[in-house]
C-alpha atoms as a PDB file:
ATOM      1  CA  MET A   1     -47.775 -10.792 -14.663  1.00  0.00           C
ATOM      2  CA  THR A   2     -46.467  -7.239 -14.598  1.00  0.00           C
ATOM      3  CA  ARG A   3     -43.093  -6.817 -16.274  1.00  0.00           C
ATOM      4  CA  VAL A   4     -40.564  -4.772 -14.294  1.00  0.00           C
ATOM      5  CA  THR A   5     -38.854  -2.193 -16.509  1.00  0.00           C
ATOM      6  CA  ARG A   6     -35.269  -1.341 -15.652  1.00  0.00           C
ATOM      7  CA  PRO A   7     -34.521   2.392 -15.543  1.00  0.00           C
ATOM      8  CA  GLY A   8     -32.487   3.715 -18.470  1.00  0.00           C
ATOM      9  CA  ILE A   9     -30.021   6.528 -18.924  1.00  0.00           C
ATOM     10  CA  LYS A  10     -32.828   8.865 -20.034  1.00  0.00           C
ATOM     11  CA  ASP A  11     -34.622   8.275 -16.709  1.00  0.00           C
ATOM     12  CA  VAL A  12     -31.470   9.280 -14.790  1.00  0.00           C
ATOM     13  CA  ALA A  13     -31.025  12.335 -17.039  1.00  0.00           C
ATOM     14  CA  ALA A  14     -34.621  13.442 -16.455  1.00  0.00           C
ATOM     15  CA  ALA A  15     -34.330  13.006 -12.688  1.00  0.00           C
ATOM     16  CA  ALA A  16     -31.038  14.922 -12.595  1.00  0.00           C
ATOM     17  CA  GLY A  17     -32.136  17.633 -15.033  1.00  0.00           C
ATOM     18  CA  VAL A  18     -29.205  17.021 -17.361  1.00  0.00           C
ATOM     19  CA  SER A  19     -28.618  15.418 -20.771  1.00  0.00           C
ATOM     20  CA  PRO A  20     -28.010  11.672 -21.262  1.00  0.00           C
ATOM     21  CA  THR A  21     -24.477  12.582 -22.438  1.00  0.00           C
ATOM     22  CA  THR A  22     -23.790  14.288 -19.107  1.00  0.00           C
ATOM     23  CA  VAL A  23     -25.059  11.221 -17.245  1.00  0.00           C
ATOM     24  CA  SER A  24     -22.778   9.002 -19.346  1.00  0.00           C
ATOM     25  CA  ASP A  25     -19.769  11.243 -18.647  1.00  0.00           C
ATOM     26  CA  ALA A  26     -20.524  11.363 -14.919  1.00  0.00           C
ATOM     27  CA  LEU A  27     -20.813   7.585 -14.573  1.00  0.00           C
ATOM     28  CA  SER A  28     -17.821   6.752 -16.793  1.00  0.00           C
ATOM     29  CA  GLY A  29     -15.448   9.383 -15.397  1.00  0.00           C
ATOM     30  CA  LYS A  30     -15.209  11.184 -18.739  1.00  0.00           C
ATOM     31  CA  GLY A  31     -15.667  14.844 -19.532  1.00  0.00           C
ATOM     32  CA  ARG A  32     -14.898  17.916 -17.482  1.00  0.00           C
ATOM     33  CA  LEU A  33     -17.749  17.897 -15.037  1.00  0.00           C
ATOM     34  CA  PRO A  34     -17.531  19.424 -11.545  1.00  0.00           C
ATOM     35  CA  GLU A  35     -17.010  16.694  -8.968  1.00  0.00           C
ATOM     36  CA  GLU A  36     -20.218  17.653  -7.137  1.00  0.00           C
ATOM     37  CA  THR A  37     -22.165  17.088 -10.388  1.00  0.00           C
ATOM     38  CA  ARG A  38     -20.627  13.621 -10.835  1.00  0.00           C
ATOM     39  CA  ILE A  39     -21.470  12.720  -7.241  1.00  0.00           C
ATOM     40  CA  ARG A  40     -25.065  13.994  -7.541  1.00  0.00           C
ATOM     41  CA  ILE A  41     -25.689  12.065 -10.765  1.00  0.00           C
ATOM     42  CA  ARG A  42     -24.179   8.861  -9.334  1.00  0.00           C
ATOM     43  CA  GLU A  43     -26.400   9.198  -6.247  1.00  0.00           C
ATOM     44  CA  ILE A  44     -29.497   9.621  -8.455  1.00  0.00           C
ATOM     45  CA  ALA A  45     -28.482   6.623 -10.591  1.00  0.00           C
ATOM     46  CA  ASP A  46     -28.025   4.517  -7.437  1.00  0.00           C
ATOM     47  CA  ARG A  47     -31.403   5.636  -6.074  1.00  0.00           C
ATOM     48  CA  LEU A  48     -33.155   4.708  -9.317  1.00  0.00           C
ATOM     49  CA  GLY A  49     -31.283   1.397  -9.552  1.00  0.00           C
ATOM     50  CA  TYR A  50     -29.725   2.285 -12.907  1.00  0.00           C
ATOM     51  CA  ARG A  51     -26.802   0.152 -14.068  1.00  0.00           C
ATOM     52  CA  PRO A  52     -25.022   0.824 -17.389  1.00  0.00           C
ATOM     53  CA  ASN A  53     -24.858  -1.991 -19.935  1.00  0.00           C
ATOM     54  CA  SER A  54     -21.261  -3.089 -19.410  1.00  0.00           C
ATOM     55  CA  LEU A  55     -20.984  -4.990 -22.705  1.00  0.00           C
ATOM     56  CA  ALA A  56     -22.312  -2.115 -24.791  1.00  0.00           C
ATOM     57  CA  ARG A  57     -20.096   0.363 -23.025  1.00  0.00           C
ATOM     58  CA  SER A  58     -17.025  -1.843 -23.549  1.00  0.00           C
ATOM     59  CA  LEU A  59     -17.772  -2.062 -27.272  1.00  0.00           C
ATOM     60  CA  ARG A  60     -18.142   1.711 -27.530  1.00  0.00           C
ATOM     61  CA  SER A  61     -15.038   2.545 -25.488  1.00  0.00           C
ATOM     62  CA  ARG A  62     -12.871  -0.352 -26.720  1.00  0.00           C
ATOM     63  CA  ARG A  63     -12.153  -1.200 -23.108  1.00  0.00           C
ATOM     64  CA  VAL A  64     -12.650  -4.547 -21.425  1.00  0.00           C
ATOM     65  CA  GLY A  65     -13.375  -3.346 -17.876  1.00  0.00           C
ATOM     66  CA  LEU A  66     -10.437  -5.206 -16.305  1.00  0.00           C
ATOM     67  CA  LEU A  67      -7.668  -3.778 -14.124  1.00  0.00           C
ATOM     68  CA  GLY A  68      -4.604  -5.920 -13.483  1.00  0.00           C
ATOM     69  CA  PHE A  69      -3.084  -6.063  -9.999  1.00  0.00           C
ATOM     70  CA  VAL A  70       0.474  -7.322  -9.390  1.00  0.00           C
ATOM     71  CA  LEU A  71       2.066  -7.740  -5.957  1.00  0.00           C
ATOM     72  CA  VAL A  72       5.861  -8.042  -6.043  1.00  0.00           C
ATOM     73  CA  PRO A  73       6.879 -10.083  -2.967  1.00  0.00           C
ATOM     74  CA  ALA A  74      10.214 -10.217  -1.133  1.00  0.00           C
ATOM     75  CA  ALA A  75      11.769 -12.524   1.488  1.00  0.00           C
ATOM     76  CA  ALA A  76       9.337 -15.394   0.822  1.00  0.00           C
ATOM     77  CA  ALA A  77       6.317 -13.178   1.518  1.00  0.00           C
ATOM     78  CA  SER A  78       2.946 -13.959  -0.006  1.00  0.00           C
ATOM     79  CA  VAL A  79      -0.359 -12.123  -0.164  1.00  0.00           C
ATOM     80  CA  SER A  80      -1.819 -14.204   2.652  1.00  0.00           C
ATOM     81  CA  THR A  81       1.079 -13.452   5.034  1.00  0.00           C
ATOM     82  CA  VAL A  82       1.069  -9.647   4.667  1.00  0.00           C
ATOM     83  CA  PRO A  83      -2.039  -7.939   6.139  1.00  0.00           C
ATOM     84  CA  TYR A  84      -1.238  -4.680   4.339  1.00  0.00           C
ATOM     85  CA  TRP A  85      -1.383  -6.436   0.965  1.00  0.00           C
ATOM     86  CA  VAL A  86      -4.619  -8.221   1.863  1.00  0.00           C
ATOM     87  CA  GLN A  87      -6.309  -4.921   2.757  1.00  0.00           C
ATOM     88  CA  LEU A  88      -4.860  -3.126  -0.258  1.00  0.00           C
ATOM     89  CA  MET A  89      -6.047  -5.798  -2.691  1.00  0.00           C
ATOM     90  CA  THR A  90      -9.497  -6.124  -1.087  1.00  0.00           C
ATOM     91  CA  LYS A  91     -10.125  -2.387  -1.087  1.00  0.00           C
ATOM     92  CA  ALA A  92      -8.781  -1.974  -4.634  1.00  0.00           C
ATOM     93  CA  ALA A  93     -11.270  -4.634  -5.800  1.00  0.00           C
ATOM     94  CA  GLU A  94     -14.117  -2.816  -4.029  1.00  0.00           C
ATOM     95  CA  PHE A  95     -13.213   0.612  -5.425  1.00  0.00           C
ATOM     96  CA  ALA A  96     -12.697  -0.813  -8.916  1.00  0.00           C
ATOM     97  CA  LEU A  97     -16.139  -2.445  -8.814  1.00  0.00           C
ATOM     98  CA  ASP A  98     -17.678   0.874  -7.769  1.00  0.00           C
ATOM     99  CA  ARG A  99     -16.234   2.305 -10.991  1.00  0.00           C
ATOM    100  CA  ASP A 100     -17.504  -0.637 -13.071  1.00  0.00           C
ATOM    101  CA  TYR A 101     -14.153  -2.377 -13.365  1.00  0.00           C
ATOM    102  CA  ALA A 102     -13.116  -5.828 -12.150  1.00  0.00           C
ATOM    103  CA  LEU A 103      -9.728  -6.407 -10.537  1.00  0.00           C
ATOM    104  CA  VAL A 104      -7.642  -9.296 -11.885  1.00  0.00           C
ATOM    105  CA  MET A 105      -4.724 -10.719  -9.891  1.00  0.00           C
ATOM    106  CA  LEU A 106      -1.652 -11.176 -12.112  1.00  0.00           C
ATOM    107  CA  PRO A 107       1.531 -13.117 -11.229  1.00  0.00           C
ATOM    108  CA  PRO A 108       4.773 -11.179 -10.561  1.00  0.00           C
ATOM    109  CA  ASP A 109       6.483 -13.224 -13.266  1.00  0.00           C
ATOM    110  CA  PRO A 110       7.758 -11.395 -16.381  1.00  0.00           C
ATOM    111  CA  GLU A 111       7.594 -14.559 -18.481  1.00  0.00           C
ATOM    112  CA  ALA A 112       3.953 -15.165 -17.556  1.00  0.00           C
ATOM    113  CA  LEU A 113       3.142 -11.542 -18.410  1.00  0.00           C
ATOM    114  CA  SER A 114       4.929 -11.517 -21.770  1.00  0.00           C
ATOM    115  CA  PRO A 115       2.629 -11.269 -23.494  1.00  0.00           C
ATOM    116  CA  LEU A 116      -0.548 -11.088 -21.444  1.00  0.00           C
ATOM    117  CA  ARG A 117      -2.904 -13.809 -22.655  1.00  0.00           C
ATOM    118  CA  PHE A 118      -5.994 -11.636 -22.197  1.00  0.00           C
ATOM    119  CA  PRO A 119      -6.475  -7.869 -22.397  1.00  0.00           C
ATOM    120  CA  VAL A 120      -6.560  -5.514 -19.421  1.00  0.00           C
ATOM    121  CA  ASP A 121      -7.150  -1.768 -19.509  1.00  0.00           C
ATOM    122  CA  GLY A 122      -4.375  -0.956 -17.049  1.00  0.00           C
ATOM    123  CA  VAL A 123      -2.276  -2.442 -14.253  1.00  0.00           C
ATOM    124  CA  ILE A 124      -1.431  -1.482 -10.657  1.00  0.00           C
ATOM    125  CA  VAL A 125       1.990  -2.807  -9.581  1.00  0.00           C
ATOM    126  CA  VAL A 126       2.545  -2.924  -5.812  1.00  0.00           C
ATOM    127  CA  ASP A 127       5.995  -2.577  -4.182  1.00  0.00           C
ATOM    128  CA  PRO A 128       8.136  -2.923  -7.324  1.00  0.00           C
ATOM    129  CA  LEU A 129      11.815  -3.760  -6.952  1.00  0.00           C
ATOM    130  CA  ARG A 130      14.513  -1.527  -8.395  1.00  0.00           C
ATOM    131  CA  ASP A 131      14.746  -2.228 -12.152  1.00  0.00           C
ATOM    132  CA  ASP A 132      11.713  -4.481 -11.804  1.00  0.00           C
ATOM    133  CA  GLN A 133      11.257  -6.698 -14.859  1.00  0.00           C
ATOM    134  CA  VAL A 134       7.501  -6.833 -14.249  1.00  0.00           C
ATOM    135  CA  LEU A 135       7.349  -3.099 -14.977  1.00  0.00           C
ATOM    136  CA  ALA A 136       9.679  -3.453 -17.972  1.00  0.00           C
ATOM    137  CA  THR A 137       7.523  -6.235 -19.432  1.00  0.00           C
ATOM    138  CA  LEU A 138       4.274  -4.288 -19.067  1.00  0.00           C
ATOM    139  CA  ARG A 139       5.862  -1.104 -20.454  1.00  0.00           C
ATOM    140  CA  ARG A 140       6.846  -2.923 -23.622  1.00  0.00           C
ATOM    141  CA  GLN A 141       3.181  -3.836 -24.116  1.00  0.00           C
ATOM    142  CA  ARG A 142       2.184  -0.164 -23.710  1.00  0.00           C
ATOM    143  CA  ILE A 143      -0.281  -0.948 -20.931  1.00  0.00           C
ATOM    144  CA  PRO A 144      -1.228   2.023 -18.704  1.00  0.00           C
ATOM    145  CA  LEU A 145       0.615   1.542 -15.391  1.00  0.00           C
ATOM    146  CA  LEU A 146       0.579   2.956 -11.890  1.00  0.00           C
ATOM    147  CA  THR A 147       2.615   1.823  -8.887  1.00  0.00           C
ATOM    148  CA  VAL A 148       1.833   1.720  -5.184  1.00  0.00           C
ATOM    149  CA  GLY A 149       5.340   2.244  -3.857  1.00  0.00           C
ATOM    150  CA  ARG A 150       7.540   4.104  -6.308  1.00  0.00           C
ATOM    151  CA  ASP A 151      10.006   2.636  -8.772  1.00  0.00           C
ATOM    152  CA  LEU A 152      13.481   3.356  -7.338  1.00  0.00           C
ATOM    153  CA  ALA A 153      14.888   3.449 -10.877  1.00  0.00           C
ATOM    154  CA  GLY A 154      12.731   6.519 -11.502  1.00  0.00           C
ATOM    155  CA  GLY A 155      10.287   5.070 -14.009  1.00  0.00           C
ATOM    156  CA  PRO A 156       7.729   7.275 -15.766  1.00  0.00           C
ATOM    157  CA  GLU A 157       4.645   5.836 -14.044  1.00  0.00           C
ATOM    158  CA  PRO A 158       2.616   7.872 -11.549  1.00  0.00           C
ATOM    159  CA  TRP A 159       2.915   6.458  -8.038  1.00  0.00           C
ATOM    160  CA  ILE A 160       1.189   6.512  -4.670  1.00  0.00           C
ATOM    161  CA  ASP A 161       2.989   5.706  -1.432  1.00  0.00           C
ATOM    162  CA  ASP A 162       2.779   6.010   2.328  1.00  0.00           C
ATOM    163  CA  ASP A 163       5.105   8.698   3.675  1.00  0.00           C
ATOM    164  CA  GLN A 164       7.297   6.104   5.347  1.00  0.00           C
ATOM    165  CA  ALA A 165      10.316   8.388   5.844  1.00  0.00           C
ATOM    166  CA  ASN A 166       8.391  10.955   7.884  1.00  0.00           C
ATOM    167  CA  GLY A 167       6.388   8.234   9.664  1.00  0.00           C
ATOM    168  CA  THR A 168       9.633   6.579  10.779  1.00  0.00           C
ATOM    169  CA  LEU A 169      11.108   9.898  11.854  1.00  0.00           C
ATOM    170  CA  GLU A 170       7.976  10.777  13.850  1.00  0.00           C
ATOM    171  CA  LEU A 171       8.161   7.395  15.596  1.00  0.00           C
ATOM    172  CA  LEU A 172      11.746   8.020  16.706  1.00  0.00           C
ATOM    173  CA  GLN A 173      10.891  11.540  17.863  1.00  0.00           C
ATOM    174  CA  THR A 174       8.097  10.041  19.979  1.00  0.00           C
ATOM    175  CA  VAL A 175       9.505   6.833  21.511  1.00  0.00           C
ATOM    176  CA  ALA A 176      13.292   7.404  21.486  1.00  0.00           C
ATOM    177  CA  ALA A 177      15.249   9.644  23.852  1.00  0.00           C
ATOM    178  CA  PRO A 178      18.249  11.738  22.780  1.00  0.00           C
ATOM    179  CA  LYS A 179      21.434   9.641  22.505  1.00  0.00           C
ATOM    180  CA  ASP A 180      19.464   6.399  22.415  1.00  0.00           C
ATOM    181  CA  LYS A 181      21.133   3.475  20.676  1.00  0.00           C
ATOM    182  CA  VAL A 182      18.846   2.332  17.860  1.00  0.00           C
ATOM    183  CA  ALA A 183      18.992  -0.871  15.806  1.00  0.00           C
ATOM    184  CA  LEU A 184      17.021  -1.487  12.609  1.00  0.00           C
ATOM    185  CA  VAL A 185      16.377  -5.019  11.301  1.00  0.00           C
ATOM    186  CA  VAL A 186      15.503  -5.130   7.576  1.00  0.00           C
ATOM    187  CA  ILE A 187      15.200  -7.465   4.602  1.00  0.00           C
ATOM    188  CA  PRO A 188      17.565  -6.906   1.640  1.00  0.00           C
ATOM    189  CA  ALA A 189      14.939  -6.113  -1.032  1.00  0.00           C
ATOM    190  CA  GLN A 190      15.432  -2.861  -2.937  1.00  0.00           C
ATOM    191  CA  LYS A 191      11.991  -1.368  -2.447  1.00  0.00           C
ATOM    192  CA  SER A 192      10.983   2.233  -1.872  1.00  0.00           C
ATOM    193  CA  TYR A 193       9.426   1.707   1.546  1.00  0.00           C
ATOM    194  CA  LEU A 194      12.651   0.122   2.876  1.00  0.00           C
ATOM    195  CA  GLN A 195      14.758   2.943   1.497  1.00  0.00           C
ATOM    196  CA  ASP A 196      12.374   5.459   3.079  1.00  0.00           C
ATOM    197  CA  MET A 197      12.545   3.672   6.443  1.00  0.00           C
ATOM    198  CA  MET A 198      16.330   3.891   6.441  1.00  0.00           C
ATOM    199  CA  SER A 199      16.135   7.525   5.364  1.00  0.00           C
ATOM    200  CA  GLY A 200      13.775   8.271   8.267  1.00  0.00           C
ATOM    201  CA  VAL A 201      16.021   6.485  10.764  1.00  0.00           C
ATOM    202  CA  SER A 202      19.150   8.244   9.470  1.00  0.00           C
ATOM    203  CA  SER A 203      17.510  11.690   9.553  1.00  0.00           C
ATOM    204  CA  TRP A 204      16.738  11.505  13.288  1.00  0.00           C
ATOM    205  CA  ASP A 205      19.300  13.695  15.027  1.00  0.00           C
ATOM    206  CA  GLY A 206      19.185  11.963  18.424  1.00  0.00           C
ATOM    207  CA  HIS A 207      21.378   8.922  17.663  1.00  0.00           C
ATOM    208  CA  ALA A 208      24.146   7.827  20.009  1.00  0.00           C
ATOM    209  CA  PRO A 209      27.608   7.734  18.391  1.00  0.00           C
ATOM    210  CA  GLY A 210      27.981   4.767  16.043  1.00  0.00           C
ATOM    211  CA  HIS A 211      24.253   4.347  15.583  1.00  0.00           C
ATOM    212  CA  PRO A 212      21.906   3.381  14.029  1.00  0.00           C
ATOM    213  CA  ILE A 213      22.983  -0.237  13.634  1.00  0.00           C
ATOM    214  CA  ILE A 214      21.377  -1.891  10.621  1.00  0.00           C
ATOM    215  CA  HIS A 215      21.008  -5.682  10.463  1.00  0.00           C
ATOM    216  CA  THR A 216      19.889  -7.320   7.214  1.00  0.00           C
ATOM    217  CA  VAL A 217      18.150 -10.711   7.384  1.00  0.00           C
ATOM    218  CA  ALA A 218      17.326 -13.021   4.484  1.00  0.00           C
ATOM    219  CA  SER A 219      14.312 -14.478   6.286  1.00  0.00           C
ATOM    220  CA  VAL A 220      11.905 -13.301   8.959  1.00  0.00           C
ATOM    221  CA  GLU A 221      11.815 -16.711  10.660  1.00  0.00           C
ATOM    222  CA  GLY A 222      13.433 -17.692  13.959  1.00  0.00           C
ATOM    223  CA  GLU A 223      16.589 -19.232  12.490  1.00  0.00           C
ATOM    224  CA  GLU A 224      17.497 -15.792  11.108  1.00  0.00           C
ATOM    225  CA  ILE A 225      16.139 -13.596  13.900  1.00  0.00           C
ATOM    226  CA  ASP A 226      17.470 -15.497  16.949  1.00  0.00           C
ATOM    227  CA  PRO A 227      21.169 -14.927  16.082  1.00  0.00           C
ATOM    228  CA  VAL A 228      20.440 -11.236  15.399  1.00  0.00           C
ATOM    229  CA  VAL A 229      18.939 -10.815  18.868  1.00  0.00           C
ATOM    230  CA  GLU A 230      21.886 -12.647  20.412  1.00  0.00           C
ATOM    231  CA  ARG A 231      24.408 -10.370  18.665  1.00  0.00           C
ATOM    232  CA  LEU A 232      22.486  -7.202  19.465  1.00  0.00           C
ATOM    233  CA  MET A 233      22.126  -7.985  23.161  1.00  0.00           C
ATOM    234  CA  ARG A 234      25.591  -9.445  23.779  1.00  0.00           C
ATOM    235  CA  HIS A 235      27.635  -6.231  24.110  1.00  0.00           C
ATOM    236  CA  ASP A 236      26.328  -2.692  24.499  1.00  0.00           C
ATOM    237  CA  PRO A 237      22.714  -3.561  23.606  1.00  0.00           C
ATOM    238  CA  PRO A 238      20.501  -0.967  21.896  1.00  0.00           C
ATOM    239  CA  ASP A 239      17.790   0.966  23.701  1.00  0.00           C
ATOM    240  CA  LEU A 240      15.312   0.514  20.851  1.00  0.00           C
ATOM    241  CA  ILE A 241      14.955  -2.106  18.111  1.00  0.00           C
ATOM    242  CA  LEU A 242      12.902  -1.339  15.003  1.00  0.00           C
ATOM    243  CA  GLY A 243      11.529  -4.101  12.778  1.00  0.00           C
ATOM    244  CA  ALA A 244      11.133  -3.150   9.116  1.00  0.00           C
ATOM    245  CA  ASN A 245       7.886  -5.104   8.874  1.00  0.00           C
ATOM    246  CA  GLU A 246       5.402  -6.795  11.182  1.00  0.00           C
ATOM    247  CA  ARG A 247       6.765 -10.319  10.584  1.00  0.00           C
ATOM    248  CA  ILE A 248      10.312  -9.316  11.537  1.00  0.00           C
ATOM    249  CA  THR A 249       8.967  -7.475  14.581  1.00  0.00           C
ATOM    250  CA  LEU A 250       6.863 -10.405  15.776  1.00  0.00           C
ATOM    251  CA  SER A 251       9.898 -12.693  15.465  1.00  0.00           C
ATOM    252  CA  LEU A 252      11.983 -10.171  17.418  1.00  0.00           C
ATOM    253  CA  HIS A 253       9.252  -9.982  20.062  1.00  0.00           C
ATOM    254  CA  ARG A 254       9.254 -13.768  20.477  1.00  0.00           C
ATOM    255  CA  ALA A 255      13.058 -14.048  20.509  1.00  0.00           C
ATOM    256  CA  LEU A 256      13.511 -11.274  23.088  1.00  0.00           C
ATOM    257  CA  LYS A 257      10.887 -12.731  25.418  1.00  0.00           C
ATOM    258  CA  THR A 258      12.301 -16.263  25.024  1.00  0.00           C
ATOM    259  CA  ALA A 259      15.753 -14.919  25.982  1.00  0.00           C
ATOM    260  CA  GLY A 260      14.250 -13.413  29.140  1.00  0.00           C
ATOM    261  CA  TYR A 261      14.219  -9.732  28.195  1.00  0.00           C
ATOM    262  CA  ARG A 262      11.347  -7.564  29.401  1.00  0.00           C
ATOM    263  CA  LEU A 263       9.578  -5.110  27.085  1.00  0.00           C
ATOM    264  CA  PRO A 264       9.898  -2.169  27.567  1.00  0.00           C
ATOM    265  CA  GLU A 265      11.877  -2.335  30.836  1.00  0.00           C
ATOM    266  CA  ASP A 266      15.016  -3.935  29.378  1.00  0.00           C
ATOM    267  CA  ILE A 267      14.591  -2.874  25.762  1.00  0.00           C
ATOM    268  CA  ARG A 268      11.980  -1.139  23.620  1.00  0.00           C
ATOM    269  CA  LEU A 269      10.594  -2.633  20.404  1.00  0.00           C
ATOM    270  CA  ALA A 270       8.582  -1.051  17.587  1.00  0.00           C
ATOM    271  CA  SER A 271       7.447  -2.007  14.097  1.00  0.00           C
ATOM    272  CA  LEU A 272       7.653   0.242  11.040  1.00  0.00           C
ATOM    273  CA  VAL A 273       4.597  -1.548   9.579  1.00  0.00           C
ATOM    274  CA  GLU A 274       1.291  -2.058  11.397  1.00  0.00           C
ATOM    275  CA  SER A 275      -0.558  -5.377  11.718  1.00  0.00           C
ATOM    276  CA  PRO A 276      -3.483  -6.582  13.865  1.00  0.00           C
ATOM    277  CA  GLU A 277      -1.183  -9.219  15.384  1.00  0.00           C
ATOM    278  CA  LEU A 278       1.034  -6.531  16.900  1.00  0.00           C
ATOM    279  CA  GLU A 279      -1.863  -5.438  19.090  1.00  0.00           C
ATOM    280  CA  ARG A 280      -2.624  -8.988  20.239  1.00  0.00           C
ATOM    281  CA  VAL A 281       0.798 -10.026  21.561  1.00  0.00           C
ATOM    282  CA  ASN A 282       1.881  -9.343  25.143  1.00  0.00           C
ATOM    283  CA  PRO A 283       3.034  -6.665  25.500  1.00  0.00           C
ATOM    284  CA  PRO A 284       1.418  -5.124  22.400  1.00  0.00           C
ATOM    285  CA  VAL A 285       3.859  -3.519  19.970  1.00  0.00           C
ATOM    286  CA  THR A 286       4.107   0.134  18.976  1.00  0.00           C
ATOM    287  CA  ALA A 287       3.863   0.626  15.208  1.00  0.00           C
ATOM    288  CA  VAL A 288       3.795   3.080  12.333  1.00  0.00           C
ATOM    289  CA  VAL A 289       0.346   2.840  10.729  1.00  0.00           C
ATOM    290  CA  GLN A 290      -0.075   2.655   6.942  1.00  0.00           C
ATOM    291  CA  HIS A 291      -3.348   3.401   5.140  1.00  0.00           C
ATOM    292  CA  PRO A 292      -3.954   0.673   2.534  1.00  0.00           C
ATOM    293  CA  ALA A 293      -7.599   1.670   1.933  1.00  0.00           C
ATOM    294  CA  ALA A 294      -6.613   5.238   1.024  1.00  0.00           C
ATOM    295  CA  SER A 295      -3.791   3.956  -1.189  1.00  0.00           C
ATOM    296  CA  ALA A 296      -6.172   1.568  -2.947  1.00  0.00           C
ATOM    297  CA  GLU A 297      -8.822   4.221  -3.610  1.00  0.00           C
ATOM    298  CA  MET A 298      -6.294   6.722  -4.947  1.00  0.00           C
ATOM    299  CA  ALA A 299      -4.560   4.084  -7.089  1.00  0.00           C
ATOM    300  CA  VAL A 300      -7.775   2.878  -8.735  1.00  0.00           C
ATOM    301  CA  ALA A 301      -9.010   6.434  -9.388  1.00  0.00           C
ATOM    302  CA  ALA A 302      -5.655   7.537 -10.833  1.00  0.00           C
ATOM    303  CA  LEU A 303      -5.344   4.470 -13.062  1.00  0.00           C
ATOM    304  CA  ILE A 304      -8.856   4.975 -14.456  1.00  0.00           C
ATOM    305  CA  ASP A 305      -7.936   8.608 -15.181  1.00  0.00           C
ATOM    306  CA  LEU A 306      -4.836   7.385 -17.007  1.00  0.00           C
ATOM    307  CA  ILE A 307      -6.866   4.896 -19.041  1.00  0.00           C
ATOM    308  CA  ALA A 308      -9.314   7.678 -19.977  1.00  0.00           C
ATOM    309  CA  GLY A 309      -6.484   9.865 -21.253  1.00  0.00           C
ATOM    310  CA  ARG A 310      -6.448  12.235 -18.310  1.00  0.00           C
ATOM    311  CA  THR A 311      -3.164  13.020 -16.549  1.00  0.00           C
ATOM    312  CA  PRO A 312      -3.231  12.027 -12.863  1.00  0.00           C
ATOM    313  CA  GLN A 313      -0.946  13.539 -10.257  1.00  0.00           C
ATOM    314  CA  SER A 314       2.541  12.147 -10.846  1.00  0.00           C
ATOM    315  CA  SER A 315       3.239  11.350  -7.190  1.00  0.00           C
ATOM    316  CA  THR A 316       1.195  11.184  -3.989  1.00  0.00           C
ATOM    317  CA  LEU A 317       2.483  10.685  -0.442  1.00  0.00           C
ATOM    318  CA  ILE A 318      -0.044   9.632   2.198  1.00  0.00           C
ATOM    319  CA  PRO A 319       0.675  10.825   5.776  1.00  0.00           C
ATOM    320  CA  MET A 320       1.054   8.081   8.385  1.00  0.00           C
ATOM    321  CA  ASN A 321      -0.009   7.719  12.011  1.00  0.00           C
ATOM    322  CA  LEU A 322       1.481   6.105  15.101  1.00  0.00           C
ATOM    323  CA  ALA A 323      -0.039   3.421  17.311  1.00  0.00           C
ATOM    324  CA  ILE A 324       1.765   3.847  20.632  1.00  0.00           C
ATOM    325  CA  ARG A 325       1.617   0.667  22.719  1.00  0.00           C
ATOM    326  CA  ALA A 326       3.338  -0.872  25.720  1.00  0.00           C
ATOM    327  CA  SER A 327       6.462  -2.232  23.939  1.00  0.00           C
ATOM    328  CA  ALA A 328       7.714   1.312  23.265  1.00  0.00           C
ATOM    329  CA  PRO A 329       5.818   4.004  25.159  1.00  0.00           C
ATOM    330  CA  GLU A 330       6.107   7.697  24.474  1.00  0.00           C
ATOM    331  CA  VAL A 331       9.256   9.227  25.955  1.00  0.00           C
ATOM    332  CA  ALA A 332       8.508  12.109  28.314  1.00  0.00           C
ATOM    333  CA  GLY A 333       9.820  15.550  27.403  1.00  0.00           C
END
């Protein structure tokens, strides 16, 4: 029986015309190689079927090959109920695996994280609260950190975020007419994306006097949303209601239709966070579109740079898009 020999690092080096050290640097993210060289060497390694010995590399680098991932929920949210988080986590796991790391889900509980019962090389914290104790706990353990959604307390960690303020402003410039009455329904959590939404709403210069109206709800369920709709529509109703996330918006959609209001004839409705469900309801709901896959890829790459001792960009804003649908069509002119 013929024994199949696995290709080694010297085989990749010979095929690429470089030294084994250069191959090692290209595949591990080390060194100061041009990006096109890294890409070419990785493509050759993939073509030859070369895979580094993870155990040996961990022993040499004193790294364990694990990236922690913490989602900080608000308003009774969970990973399974927020499509953005599901996509972000899934893509982060894929991109981490491409870089020979495994993603480990950690609880957003400072006590459970203090101290961590197993080592990780670094941690991505998603949507931290102001003065978040998860961040404080991990900082004390000197673990490399990066956040998706910035720390409102101005922590030292690099961060990546969707440009929610400009996305919200662009939405209003597209689906709201000058002097429109606008209402925004939000949850009370002190998170960067909520602050940016309110900043985007406030910066639009087309508001009617006394607007925008901001309603804060403790829950996204019907018992919280139904009274909000009743109050909004009772006297001098708004022209446009914005939901701060897809769950609030879907509850608003249901409550407005149940009360007999037509979208968009009687009132327009839009969500400041996209979700597949918004496209499936009738009428489908206009939304600001985030890019969780791009956020995940950038976060994993930046954290690995941080672990390797390189300095990633301190802050990155990702431009957003609009999905214009029947609930709030584009305003002419």
